[in-house]
N, C-alpha and C. Protein backbone atom coordinates (compact mmCIF):
# COMPACT_ATOMS: atom_id res chain seq x y z
N UNK A 1 0.64 -1.55 -0.17
CA UNK A 1 0.48 0.35 -0.39
C UNK A 1 0.91 0.92 0.43
N UNK A 2 0.45 2.17 -0.55
CA UNK A 2 1.17 3.86 -0.69
C UNK A 2 1.46 4.34 0.23
N UNK A 3 2.54 4.35 1.18
CA UNK A 3 2.99 5.09 2.50
C UNK A 3 1.81 6.76 2.21
N UNK A 4 1.60 7.26 1.87
CA UNK A 4 0.72 8.37 2.12
C UNK A 4 -0.38 7.82 2.17
N UNK A 5 -1.42 6.56 2.18
CA UNK A 5 -2.38 6.30 2.46
C UNK A 5 -2.76 6.06 3.33
N UNK A 6 -1.66 4.51 3.44
CA UNK A 6 -1.19 4.79 5.31
C UNK A 6 -1.16 5.15 5.92
N UNK A 7 0.11 6.48 5.90
CA UNK A 7 -0.49 7.55 6.81
C UNK A 7 -2.08 8.22 6.64
N UNK A 8 -2.24 8.22 5.66
CA UNK A 8 -4.00 9.26 5.79
C UNK A 8 -4.73 8.52 6.86
N UNK A 9 -4.56 6.76 6.02
CA UNK A 9 -5.95 6.14 6.92
C UNK A 9 -5.05 6.32 8.52
N UNK A 10 -3.79 6.08 9.04
CA UNK A 10 -3.83 6.05 10.38
C UNK A 10 -3.87 7.17 10.62
N UNK A 11 -4.00 8.55 10.17
CA UNK A 11 -4.00 9.72 10.78
C UNK A 11 -5.57 10.24 10.72
N UNK A 12 -6.16 9.82 10.14
CA UNK A 12 -7.93 9.59 10.15
C UNK A 12 -8.54 8.85 11.00
N UNK A 13 -7.70 7.09 11.47
CA UNK A 13 -7.99 6.82 13.10
C UNK A 13 -7.97 7.13 14.16
N UNK A 14 -6.66 7.64 13.69
CA UNK A 14 -6.48 8.37 15.11
C UNK A 14 -7.20 9.55 15.64
N UNK A 15 -6.91 10.63 14.58
CA UNK A 15 -7.96 11.94 14.99
C UNK A 15 -9.38 11.45 15.58
N UNK A 16 -9.93 11.02 14.56
CA UNK A 16 -11.61 10.53 15.12
C UNK A 16 -11.51 9.34 16.29
N UNK A 17 -10.51 8.73 16.69
CA UNK A 17 -10.36 7.85 17.91
C UNK A 17 -10.11 9.36 19.02
N UNK A 18 -9.19 10.27 18.94
CA UNK A 18 -9.29 11.53 19.96
C UNK A 18 -10.26 12.02 19.79
N UNK A 19 -11.38 12.06 18.74
CA UNK A 19 -12.69 12.61 19.06
C UNK A 19 -12.47 14.62 18.55
N UNK A 20 -11.74 14.21 17.19
CA UNK A 20 -11.57 15.71 17.00
C UNK A 20 -11.42 16.21 15.73
N UNK A 21 -11.90 17.17 15.15
CA UNK A 21 -12.70 17.49 14.63
C UNK A 21 -10.79 17.55 12.91
N UNK A 22 -11.22 17.62 11.74
CA UNK A 22 -10.29 18.48 10.51
C UNK A 22 -9.47 19.46 11.28
N UNK A 23 -10.82 20.48 11.60
CA UNK A 23 -10.32 21.12 12.09
C UNK A 23 -9.66 21.82 12.91
N UNK A 24 -10.02 20.92 13.75
CA UNK A 24 -9.24 21.37 15.29
C UNK A 24 -8.15 21.01 14.80
N UNK A 25 -7.77 19.38 14.21
CA UNK A 25 -5.93 18.83 13.93
C UNK A 25 -5.00 19.42 13.26
N UNK A 26 -5.77 20.59 12.06
CA UNK A 26 -5.47 21.87 11.66
C UNK A 26 -4.84 22.78 12.11
N UNK A 27 -5.44 23.55 13.15
CA UNK A 27 -5.00 24.48 13.85
C UNK A 27 -3.67 24.05 14.92
N UNK A 28 -4.33 22.32 15.46
CA UNK A 28 -2.96 22.49 16.15
C UNK A 28 -1.53 21.99 15.15
N UNK A 29 -1.63 22.31 14.42
CA UNK A 29 -0.49 21.54 12.98
C UNK A 29 -0.52 22.86 12.96
N UNK A 30 -1.30 23.82 13.02
CA UNK A 30 -0.80 25.55 11.94
C UNK A 30 -1.06 25.38 10.69
N UNK A 31 -1.88 24.30 10.62
CA UNK A 31 -1.91 23.91 8.80
C UNK A 31 -3.34 24.38 8.35
N UNK A 32 -4.05 24.65 6.97
CA UNK A 32 -5.69 24.68 6.86
C UNK A 32 -6.11 23.19 6.76
N UNK A 33 -7.48 22.89 7.33
CA UNK A 33 -8.02 21.78 7.22
C UNK A 33 -8.04 21.29 5.75
N UNK A 34 -7.52 22.20 4.47
CA UNK A 34 -7.77 21.07 3.76
C UNK A 34 -6.89 21.08 3.45
N UNK A 35 -5.70 20.71 3.27
CA UNK A 35 -4.22 20.08 3.99
C UNK A 35 -4.31 19.13 5.13
N UNK A 36 -5.18 19.42 5.61
CA UNK A 36 -5.48 17.90 6.61
C UNK A 36 -5.69 16.99 5.46
N UNK A 37 -7.27 17.29 5.19
CA UNK A 37 -7.85 16.17 4.23
C UNK A 37 -7.58 15.84 3.08
N UNK A 38 -7.06 16.40 2.65
CA UNK A 38 -5.23 15.84 1.70
C UNK A 38 -4.81 15.29 2.34
N UNK A 39 -3.89 15.36 3.23
CA UNK A 39 -2.88 14.06 3.81
C UNK A 39 -3.81 12.95 3.97
N UNK A 40 -5.35 13.56 4.32
CA UNK A 40 -6.19 12.01 5.23
C UNK A 40 -6.30 11.24 4.32
N UNK A 41 -6.92 11.91 2.85
CA UNK A 41 -7.01 10.63 1.23
C UNK A 41 -5.87 10.08 0.98
N UNK A 42 -4.75 10.37 1.16
CA UNK A 42 -3.55 9.95 0.43
C UNK A 42 -2.93 10.70 -0.36
N UNK A 43 -3.49 12.21 -0.66
CA UNK A 43 -3.64 13.07 -1.13
C UNK A 43 -1.78 13.84 -1.41
N UNK A 44 -1.31 13.80 -0.38
CA UNK A 44 -0.48 15.06 0.01
C UNK A 44 1.02 14.30 -0.12
N UNK A 45 2.49 14.43 -0.22
CA UNK A 45 3.51 14.71 0.15
C UNK A 45 3.22 14.98 1.28
N UNK A 46 4.24 14.16 3.07
CA UNK A 46 4.11 15.00 3.89
C UNK A 46 5.52 14.90 4.26
N UNK A 47 6.36 15.91 4.36
CA UNK A 47 7.67 16.26 5.45
C UNK A 47 7.65 15.24 6.28
N UNK A 48 9.03 14.81 7.34
CA UNK A 48 9.73 14.49 8.42
C UNK A 48 8.88 15.52 9.18
N UNK A 49 8.73 16.90 9.09
CA UNK A 49 8.21 18.29 10.00
C UNK A 49 6.89 18.71 9.98
N UNK A 50 6.06 18.07 8.96
CA UNK A 50 4.69 17.40 9.13
C UNK A 50 4.45 16.80 9.72
N UNK A 51 4.66 14.95 9.11
CA UNK A 51 5.11 13.68 10.76
C UNK A 51 5.10 14.66 11.67
N UNK A 52 5.77 14.87 12.55
CA UNK A 52 5.97 15.06 13.46
C UNK A 52 4.88 16.51 14.38
N UNK A 53 4.50 17.41 13.57
CA UNK A 53 3.49 18.06 13.56
C UNK A 53 2.27 17.45 14.19
N UNK A 54 2.16 16.46 12.90
CA UNK A 54 0.62 15.20 13.27
C UNK A 54 1.12 15.01 14.26
N UNK A 55 2.06 13.71 14.83
CA UNK A 55 2.08 13.09 15.27
C UNK A 55 1.93 14.13 17.23
N UNK A 56 2.41 14.80 17.35
CA UNK A 56 2.51 16.03 18.30
C UNK A 56 0.73 17.09 18.00
N UNK A 57 0.41 16.14 17.45
CA UNK A 57 -1.68 17.03 17.26
C UNK A 57 -2.50 16.48 17.45
N UNK A 58 -2.25 14.45 17.66
CA UNK A 58 -2.71 13.62 17.91
C UNK A 58 -2.76 12.98 19.03
N UNK A 59 -0.97 13.30 19.47
CA UNK A 59 -0.04 12.74 20.72
C UNK A 59 -0.17 11.51 20.58
N UNK A 60 0.91 11.22 19.31
CA UNK A 60 1.22 9.88 19.46
C UNK A 60 2.19 10.01 19.13
N UNK A 61 3.08 9.16 18.78
CA UNK A 61 4.15 8.66 17.97
C UNK A 61 4.24 8.40 17.28
N UNK A 62 5.30 9.15 16.45
CA UNK A 62 5.35 9.46 14.53
C UNK A 62 5.03 7.78 13.81
N UNK A 63 5.37 6.64 14.73
CA UNK A 63 5.34 6.05 14.13
C UNK A 63 4.35 4.88 13.60
N UNK A 64 2.77 5.21 14.68
CA UNK A 64 1.99 5.27 14.66
C UNK A 64 1.30 6.46 13.27
N UNK A 65 1.80 6.56 12.97
CA UNK A 65 1.43 7.38 11.81
C UNK A 65 1.88 5.96 10.31
N UNK A 66 3.00 5.95 10.97
CA UNK A 66 3.30 5.48 8.90
C UNK A 66 3.01 3.82 9.74
N UNK A 67 2.28 3.04 10.64
CA UNK A 67 2.57 1.16 10.53
C UNK A 67 1.59 0.76 9.75
N UNK A 68 2.28 0.70 9.10
CA UNK A 68 1.37 -0.10 8.26
C UNK A 68 0.62 -1.83 8.90
N UNK A 69 0.68 -2.10 9.59
CA UNK A 69 0.17 -3.23 9.75
C UNK A 69 -1.31 -2.89 10.59
N UNK A 70 -1.20 -1.18 11.28
CA UNK A 70 -2.50 -0.82 11.64
C UNK A 70 -3.16 -0.50 10.79
N UNK A 71 -2.98 -0.45 9.63
CA UNK A 71 -4.48 -0.13 8.43
C UNK A 71 -5.28 -1.32 8.39
N UNK A 72 -6.20 -1.56 8.98
CA UNK A 72 -6.97 -1.90 8.08
C UNK A 72 -8.61 -1.02 8.15
N UNK A 73 -9.08 -1.69 6.82
CA UNK A 73 -10.10 -1.17 6.54
C UNK A 73 -11.33 -1.36 7.92
N UNK A 74 -11.21 -2.38 7.89
CA UNK A 74 -12.68 -2.73 8.94
C UNK A 74 -12.22 -1.91 10.41
N UNK A 75 -11.26 -1.74 10.85
CA UNK A 75 -10.87 -1.23 11.87
C UNK A 75 -11.69 0.30 12.62
N UNK A 76 -11.55 0.87 10.58
CA UNK A 76 -11.71 3.02 10.68
C UNK A 76 -12.84 2.89 11.80
N UNK A 77 -13.45 3.66 12.44
CA UNK A 77 -14.47 4.01 12.85
C UNK A 77 -15.73 4.77 11.91
N UNK A 78 -16.42 3.98 12.23
CA UNK A 78 -18.19 4.47 11.58
C UNK A 78 -18.71 6.30 11.99
N UNK A 79 -18.31 6.49 13.13
CA UNK A 79 -18.89 7.47 13.08
C UNK A 79 -18.15 8.80 12.70
N UNK A 80 -18.27 10.16 12.62
CA UNK A 80 -17.92 10.72 12.06
C UNK A 80 -17.14 11.86 13.38
N UNK A 81 -16.31 12.91 13.23
CA UNK A 81 -16.35 13.84 14.46
C UNK A 81 -17.16 14.73 14.46
N UNK A 82 -17.22 15.20 15.70
CA UNK A 82 -17.96 16.16 15.77
C UNK A 82 -17.65 17.76 14.87
N UNK A 83 -19.03 18.10 14.35
CA UNK A 83 -18.68 18.95 13.75
C UNK A 83 -18.71 20.70 14.77
N UNK A 84 -18.18 21.56 14.04
CA UNK A 84 -18.19 22.63 14.69
C UNK A 84 -19.72 23.65 14.28
N UNK A 85 -20.08 24.70 15.06
CA UNK A 85 -21.09 24.64 14.70
C UNK A 85 -20.54 26.36 14.38
N UNK A 86 -20.81 26.61 12.74
CA UNK A 86 -20.67 27.90 12.30
C UNK A 86 -20.97 29.40 13.09
N UNK A 87 -20.33 30.05 12.90
CA UNK A 87 -21.44 31.16 14.06
C UNK A 87 -21.01 32.71 12.45
N UNK A 88 -22.47 33.26 12.56
CA UNK A 88 -22.17 34.47 10.98
C UNK A 88 -20.98 35.34 11.61
N UNK A 89 -20.63 35.88 10.76
CA UNK A 89 -19.49 36.79 10.94
C UNK A 89 -20.15 38.07 10.83
């Protein structure tokens, strides 16, 4: 399996397990929510710095994000993280 896909699936699994939205992780990492979305879909080539930032934001070890043995599609949570209510500007 493509390492970008492995990283993305692990990132999504860990994010959902923590009950965090993509926006919350993006804020913790200092990136845009769309960038997090691209990473989770395996469309972004992440740098070592991004790998480290993601691990810090998720409170896990970096190796957990690239461990291909943890990626089993049936283990992905069916629930979605809670959405933040938007306020009118």
